[in-house]
Each structure stands twice: as C-alpha cells, then as structure tokens.
Amino acid sequence: MENTVSTDMPNSDCPFCGQVFESQIVETCGTVVAVGDASPVSEGHMLIVTVRHTEDIFSMNDDERTDAMKMVGILKRRALRIDPSITGFNIGANCGVSAGQHVMHAHIHFIPRRDTEPVKGVIRNKMAY
C-alpha cells in the first residue's frame, strides 16, 4: 500500500511550493523546474522539482516523469557547456525519510561529477563506508 501525498494545491509548509523558491528556478520544462541544491554535493548539483506538490517520484504522474527525464538532458547539455571538466553524473531520488528525503516534495538530484572528486556516496553525512 502506497503512502503518498498528491495534490494540485501548493503546500504552505513546503519549501518547494513558495514564492521564494520560484525566484531560484534556473530552467523549466513543462511540469518540472530545476534549481540549485541548497547543500550541493558537487559544483553544479541541481534539483529537478515537480511544479505540482506531490510527495516523491512514486507519486509523480507520467507527464512529470517524462518532463523530468527531458530536464536531465537539458541540464546535462548545460553543465557540459559550462564545465568541460565534468566526466560523469549521479541522477537519483530519495523516497522517504529513511532513504534520506528531507523535503517531502518530489525531486530528483542531478549531480555532475569530475575525475578529481572521489565518490563514495551522494549523501555527505551518510558516506561512512
């Protein structure tokens, strides 16, 4: 049984639903937007966020998932144009508190990687291995 919140209405307690968030939008693609991560793992770390307030990627609708994957391509091209030292990417989502999700609004992490940056994980305070 799924335990997700899905609504067309903004959530006043959600940091991704407010006007301050809107001023941080870097790119738009249909039903999703991209913003810089407030605690980036690497330079260029972005979040792909649904415009509609919905809890996680499991509650995203087909249009949102399609637009999110289009946004991954847009951000990849943008990142490589800006920084040719990028040699790889992490793309992922945390779903639920136990998985490291801190904001209960669907978002996907887009993390550029460079050969000069060792990777043991994507959540800084969880990389003790």
C-alpha atoms as a PDB file:
ATOM      1  CA  MET A   1       0.000   0.000   0.000  1.00  0.00           C
ATOM      2  CA  GLU A   2       1.418   3.382  -1.028  1.00  0.00           C
ATOM      3  CA  ASN A   3       1.550   6.209   1.484  1.00  0.00           C
ATOM      4  CA  THR A   4       1.957   9.291  -0.724  1.00  0.00           C
ATOM      5  CA  VAL A   5       0.513  12.764  -0.845  1.00  0.00           C
ATOM      6  CA  SER A   6      -0.587  14.022  -4.244  1.00  0.00           C
ATOM      7  CA  THR A   7      -2.374  17.298  -4.767  1.00  0.00           C
ATOM      8  CA  ASP A   8      -2.564  20.122  -7.266  1.00  0.00           C
ATOM      9  CA  MET A   9      -2.571  22.588  -4.390  1.00  0.00           C
ATOM     10  CA  PRO A  10       0.667  24.110  -3.063  1.00  0.00           C
ATOM     11  CA  ASN A  11       1.589  23.112   0.474  1.00  0.00           C
ATOM     12  CA  SER A  12       2.251  26.173   2.655  1.00  0.00           C
ATOM     13  CA  ASP A  13       4.755  24.180   4.754  1.00  0.00           C
ATOM     14  CA  CYS A  14       6.752  23.050   1.704  1.00  0.00           C
ATOM     15  CA  PRO A  15       9.893  24.986   0.762  1.00  0.00           C
ATOM     16  CA  PHE A  16       9.416  23.966  -2.896  1.00  0.00           C
ATOM     17  CA  CYS A  17       5.906  25.478  -3.101  1.00  0.00           C
ATOM     18  CA  GLY A  18       6.622  29.098  -2.146  1.00  0.00           C
ATOM     19  CA  GLN A  19       7.421  32.320  -3.971  1.00  0.00           C
ATOM     20  CA  VAL A  20      10.986  32.341  -2.612  1.00  0.00           C
ATOM     21  CA  PHE A  21      11.539  29.009  -4.346  1.00  0.00           C
ATOM     22  CA  GLU A  22      10.177  30.413  -7.625  1.00  0.00           C
ATOM     23  CA  SER A  23      12.905  33.052  -7.656  1.00  0.00           C
ATOM     24  CA  GLN A  24      15.556  30.283  -7.610  1.00  0.00           C
ATOM     25  CA  ILE A  25      14.380  28.500 -10.787  1.00  0.00           C
ATOM     26  CA  VAL A  26      17.188  28.045 -13.323  1.00  0.00           C
ATOM     27  CA  GLU A  27      15.368  26.014 -16.006  1.00  0.00           C
ATOM     28  CA  THR A  28      11.794  24.941 -16.736  1.00  0.00           C
ATOM     29  CA  CYS A  29      10.458  22.006 -18.738  1.00  0.00           C
ATOM     30  CA  GLY A  30       6.703  21.521 -18.737  1.00  0.00           C
ATOM     31  CA  THR A  31       5.671  20.162 -15.349  1.00  0.00           C
ATOM     32  CA  VAL A  32       9.112  20.402 -13.689  1.00  0.00           C
ATOM     33  CA  VAL A  33      11.689  23.041 -12.831  1.00  0.00           C
ATOM     34  CA  ALA A  34      15.380  22.941 -11.932  1.00  0.00           C
ATOM     35  CA  VAL A  35      17.035  24.788  -9.046  1.00  0.00           C
ATOM     36  CA  GLY A  36      20.447  24.662  -7.417  1.00  0.00           C
ATOM     37  CA  ASP A  37      20.684  22.358  -4.408  1.00  0.00           C
ATOM     38  CA  ALA A  38      20.995  24.289  -1.121  1.00  0.00           C
ATOM     39  CA  SER A  39      23.645  21.812   0.115  1.00  0.00           C
ATOM     40  CA  PRO A  40      25.417  20.738  -3.075  1.00  0.00           C
ATOM     41  CA  VAL A  41      27.444  17.531  -3.159  1.00  0.00           C
ATOM     42  CA  SER A  42      29.459  18.930  -6.084  1.00  0.00           C
ATOM     43  CA  GLU A  43      29.566  22.124  -8.111  1.00  0.00           C
ATOM     44  CA  GLY A  44      26.515  22.228 -10.370  1.00  0.00           C
ATOM     45  CA  HIS A  45      24.325  19.986  -8.167  1.00  0.00           C
ATOM     46  CA  MET A  46      20.731  20.707  -9.205  1.00  0.00           C
ATOM     47  CA  LEU A  47      17.291  19.524  -8.129  1.00  0.00           C
ATOM     48  CA  ILE A  48      14.592  18.680 -10.652  1.00  0.00           C
ATOM     49  CA  VAL A  49      11.336  19.502  -8.847  1.00  0.00           C
ATOM     50  CA  THR A  50       7.705  18.943  -9.832  1.00  0.00           C
ATOM     51  CA  VAL A  51       5.597  22.099 -10.094  1.00  0.00           C
ATOM     52  CA  ARG A  52       2.672  20.201  -8.571  1.00  0.00           C
ATOM     53  CA  HIS A  53       3.065  19.323  -4.914  1.00  0.00           C
ATOM     54  CA  THR A  54       3.407  15.562  -4.717  1.00  0.00           C
ATOM     55  CA  GLU A  55       5.436  13.552  -2.219  1.00  0.00           C
ATOM     56  CA  ASP A  56       8.059  11.630  -4.217  1.00  0.00           C
ATOM     57  CA  ILE A  57       8.884  10.099  -7.592  1.00  0.00           C
ATOM     58  CA  PHE A  58       6.413   7.270  -6.984  1.00  0.00           C
ATOM     59  CA  SER A  59       3.515   9.754  -6.892  1.00  0.00           C
ATOM     60  CA  MET A  60       4.660  11.666  -9.984  1.00  0.00           C
ATOM     61  CA  ASN A  61       2.373  11.262 -12.982  1.00  0.00           C
ATOM     62  CA  ASP A  62       3.553  10.185 -16.450  1.00  0.00           C
ATOM     63  CA  ASP A  63       3.926  13.767 -17.726  1.00  0.00           C
ATOM     64  CA  GLU A  64       6.047  14.707 -14.709  1.00  0.00           C
ATOM     65  CA  ARG A  65       8.305  11.677 -15.160  1.00  0.00           C
ATOM     66  CA  THR A  66       8.697  12.394 -18.889  1.00  0.00           C
ATOM     67  CA  ASP A  67       9.452  16.073 -18.271  1.00  0.00           C
ATOM     68  CA  ALA A  68      11.921  15.156 -15.514  1.00  0.00           C
ATOM     69  CA  MET A  69      13.891  12.938 -17.906  1.00  0.00           C
ATOM     70  CA  LYS A  70      13.832  15.705 -20.533  1.00  0.00           C
ATOM     71  CA  MET A  71      15.179  18.055 -17.858  1.00  0.00           C
ATOM     72  CA  VAL A  72      18.032  15.626 -17.150  1.00  0.00           C
ATOM     73  CA  GLY A  73      19.086  16.038 -20.792  1.00  0.00           C
ATOM     74  CA  ILE A  74      18.740  19.819 -20.663  1.00  0.00           C
ATOM     75  CA  LEU A  75      20.846  20.019 -17.500  1.00  0.00           C
ATOM     76  CA  LYS A  76      23.477  17.643 -18.896  1.00  0.00           C
ATOM     77  CA  ARG A  77      23.957  19.754 -22.035  1.00  0.00           C
ATOM     78  CA  ARG A  78      24.027  22.940 -19.937  1.00  0.00           C
ATOM     79  CA  ALA A  79      26.543  21.525 -17.439  1.00  0.00           C
ATOM     80  CA  LEU A  80      28.929  20.238 -20.117  1.00  0.00           C
ATOM     81  CA  ARG A  81      28.765  23.562 -21.976  1.00  0.00           C
ATOM     82  CA  ILE A  82      29.660  25.446 -18.778  1.00  0.00           C
ATOM     83  CA  ASP A  83      32.230  22.992 -17.393  1.00  0.00           C
ATOM     84  CA  PRO A  84      34.074  20.584 -19.699  1.00  0.00           C
ATOM     85  CA  SER A  85      35.845  19.004 -16.683  1.00  0.00           C
ATOM     86  CA  ILE A  86      32.622  17.076 -15.918  1.00  0.00           C
ATOM     87  CA  THR A  87      33.124  13.389 -16.712  1.00  0.00           C
ATOM     88  CA  GLY A  88      30.023  11.773 -15.185  1.00  0.00           C
ATOM     89  CA  PHE A  89      26.732  12.305 -13.394  1.00  0.00           C
ATOM     90  CA  ASN A  90      24.713  10.911 -10.494  1.00  0.00           C
ATOM     91  CA  ILE A  91      20.950  11.049 -11.087  1.00  0.00           C
ATOM     92  CA  GLY A  92      18.737   9.894  -8.245  1.00  0.00           C
ATOM     93  CA  ALA A  93      15.912  10.396  -5.805  1.00  0.00           C
ATOM     94  CA  ASN A  94      15.481   9.681  -2.123  1.00  0.00           C
ATOM     95  CA  CYS A  95      11.969   8.465  -1.324  1.00  0.00           C
ATOM     96  CA  GLY A  96      11.003   8.611   2.341  1.00  0.00           C
ATOM     97  CA  VAL A  97      12.763   9.810   5.463  1.00  0.00           C
ATOM     98  CA  SER A  98      14.611   6.508   5.934  1.00  0.00           C
ATOM     99  CA  ALA A  99      16.062   6.923   2.412  1.00  0.00           C
ATOM    100  CA  GLY A 100      17.352  10.432   3.165  1.00  0.00           C
ATOM    101  CA  GLN A 101      14.472  12.513   1.792  1.00  0.00           C
ATOM    102  CA  HIS A 102      14.310  15.769   3.750  1.00  0.00           C
ATOM    103  CA  VAL A 103      11.721  17.706   1.733  1.00  0.00           C
ATOM    104  CA  MET A 104       8.541  15.728   1.089  1.00  0.00           C
ATOM    105  CA  HIS A 105       8.016  17.147  -2.394  1.00  0.00           C
ATOM    106  CA  ALA A 106       9.067  15.101  -5.435  1.00  0.00           C
ATOM    107  CA  HIS A 107      12.576  15.975  -6.609  1.00  0.00           C
ATOM    108  CA  ILE A 108      15.454  14.315  -8.413  1.00  0.00           C
ATOM    109  CA  HIS A 109      19.106  15.090  -7.736  1.00  0.00           C
ATOM    110  CA  PHE A 110      21.286  15.908 -10.759  1.00  0.00           C
ATOM    111  CA  ILE A 111      24.926  15.786  -9.635  1.00  0.00           C
ATOM    112  CA  PRO A 112      27.808  16.465 -12.038  1.00  0.00           C
ATOM    113  CA  ARG A 113      31.000  14.531 -11.250  1.00  0.00           C
ATOM    114  CA  ARG A 114      34.630  15.113 -12.134  1.00  0.00           C
ATOM    115  CA  ASP A 115      37.559  12.684 -12.124  1.00  0.00           C
ATOM    116  CA  THR A 116      39.208  14.831  -9.440  1.00  0.00           C
ATOM    117  CA  GLU A 117      36.359  14.211  -6.960  1.00  0.00           C
ATOM    118  CA  PRO A 118      36.295  10.822  -5.197  1.00  0.00           C
ATOM    119  CA  VAL A 119      32.804   9.349  -4.958  1.00  0.00           C
ATOM    120  CA  LYS A 120      31.788   7.083  -2.090  1.00  0.00           C
ATOM    121  CA  GLY A 121      28.179   8.258  -1.922  1.00  0.00           C
ATOM    122  CA  VAL A 122      25.892  11.147  -2.620  1.00  0.00           C
ATOM    123  CA  ILE A 123      24.665  11.999   0.872  1.00  0.00           C
ATOM    124  CA  ARG A 124      27.589  13.628   2.663  1.00  0.00           C
ATOM    125  CA  ASN A 125      26.710  12.717   6.246  1.00  0.00           C
ATOM    126  CA  LYS A 126      25.896   9.112   5.204  1.00  0.00           C
ATOM    127  CA  MET A 127      29.242   8.343   3.497  1.00  0.00           C
ATOM    128  CA  ALA A 128      30.955   6.467   6.352  1.00  0.00           C
ATOM    129  CA  TYR A 129      31.933   3.451   4.296  1.00  0.00           C
END
